[in-house]
Amino acid sequence: MNKDYENLSFKDFENMPGLNLKETAQEFSNYISNWDSRDHWNYRQECVSGCKPQVDIIHKGKLYKDCVGLVFNDYLGFTQHPEVKKAAISAIEQYGVGAAASPAIGGHMSYHRQIEEKIAGFFRRDAAMLYTTGYTANSATMQALFKKEDLAILDEGVHASMWEGMQTTNVFKFPHNHMERLERALKNTKGKYRNTVVVIDGVYSQQADIAYLDQIVKLCKYYGAYLAMDDAHGVGVIGKTGRGVIELYDLYQEVDIITGTFSKTFGHLGGYVVSNRGLIQYLKFQSRQHIFSVTATPASACILKSIDLIDEEPFWKDKLWRNINYLKDGLIGMGFDLGNTQSAIIPVMTGNPNLNAEACQLLMKAGVYANQIGYPAVPKKRARIRMSIMATHEREHLDKVLNAWQWVDSQLKITNKTNLNYGKKTEEYTRESGVNKGGTDRNSLAIDEGERPHVFTGDENHQADGAQ
């Protein structure tokens, strides 16, 4: 194969014609070694201090102490909240450390029912069910509901777990947040499939922007399509009381299938699906991944307290947004391209995988632990450093991040290598219209001009944060 490892990505190793499993693994090992030799390999670094705003990291055998942690989606800091930890310990003392059975035949405990009822009520809906991961909540639900007679129309920015869920049905993708292309797809396919579902994220994990939910709901109603939304990154962050994008638009009853994860704002692990009682009952006995998987451990009872804290301690969300705006304004003032971020995710565009890796390495040396994101998670020319902001970050942490970026830019000249509108302020999001006053970021689109739905092949450009 081409030995130009510097210009390859993970995608090139998914399926390597002519190479068997052992040979493919060896080529991937060579690829890692090449990137590591250039100090460009910044993945699977070992954190020795837990999910906190300041952490200790082991990277290439060296301990980096007191790094500002920007890799965790613990937006409100609930992984470390004393009451949440207390709730987990209490449940372990009552139930033990495991459930030891699948839900239909012994593994359904009282705390599972309580979580289901509480998360359903959180979204003002009838019923919910649990999965052991947010990833499975998406992939397993879609596989159970939509088959070869059906059609799924996906925003190209949805999470990889949604793409995996499309292996059983026909698929059409539309450019990110492009309402004209969505309507065209709905219009051209109306009446041709048994069921049509539009699949979106509430907050997109890589673009960091928000779905135009009001417009999408209107289109789905007009053309008779179902709507499924994963708002893993919106809950706890968006909306007056932190109920996500569905609250921002006040459309609680208009999304047919709501999915999400307990691994971000709620500070634990697991996924959920919220819908009407009939659909949830169907999924509980038709979703193979749910039926044949052991249920969540007793420690997950801490989620009950996390849900309560969203309402009991709203000051966490307020502080989170002060942190978000402070860091965004500082980075924009330096001339960095942050895309169209409207959430607790702040991407700094570098536009080049190798430059991206160098920036990530320099940030670590400056005491900032962030993520390098490249293809296929994002288009190749939109490589970025991705930062997740938490309410538990203090001003001194954010100042350290800003100083680190200033130093990194002095070394790599990132702001000189990207096409930017320097000095622009954060774009204002208008809930009433559901559009951005600054317009959609067209540079982030990898537009597929084909109009014909296709059966999923696994060759999509998956948007992923790896934390569902």
Foldseek 3Di string as FASTA:
>chain_A
DDPPLQPDDPLCLPDDPPDDPVRSVVSVVSSQVVCVVVLLDQPPWDWDADDAQFTWTQDPNDIQGGFGEFQALQALVQLPDPLLQVQLVVLCVVPNWFQPAFCVPRSDDPLQVVVFVLVQVLLPADTKHWAQALLCVQQLLLLLPAAAQEEEEEALQDFPSNLNNQQGYWYHYFHHLPLVLVLVLLVVCQPRGPAYEYEEEQQRPVLQDGHLVVSVLVSCVVRVHAYEYEHAQFALADAPLRRGSCRLLVPSQRHAKYKYFCVHNLPDGIIMIHHHPVSNVSCCPRRPSNRGDRDDTSSCSSSVVSSVCSRVPVVSNVLSVVLQQVLQLLCLQVQFDQRQRDTQKTKTWQQASSLLSVLQSQSSVLRHHWDWDAPLLFDRRGTTTIGGTHSNDDPVSSVSSSVSVVVSCVVRVSSVVDDTPGPDHRWDQDSVRSATPVGHDVVRIPGDPDSDIGNRDPPRSRNHSPRD
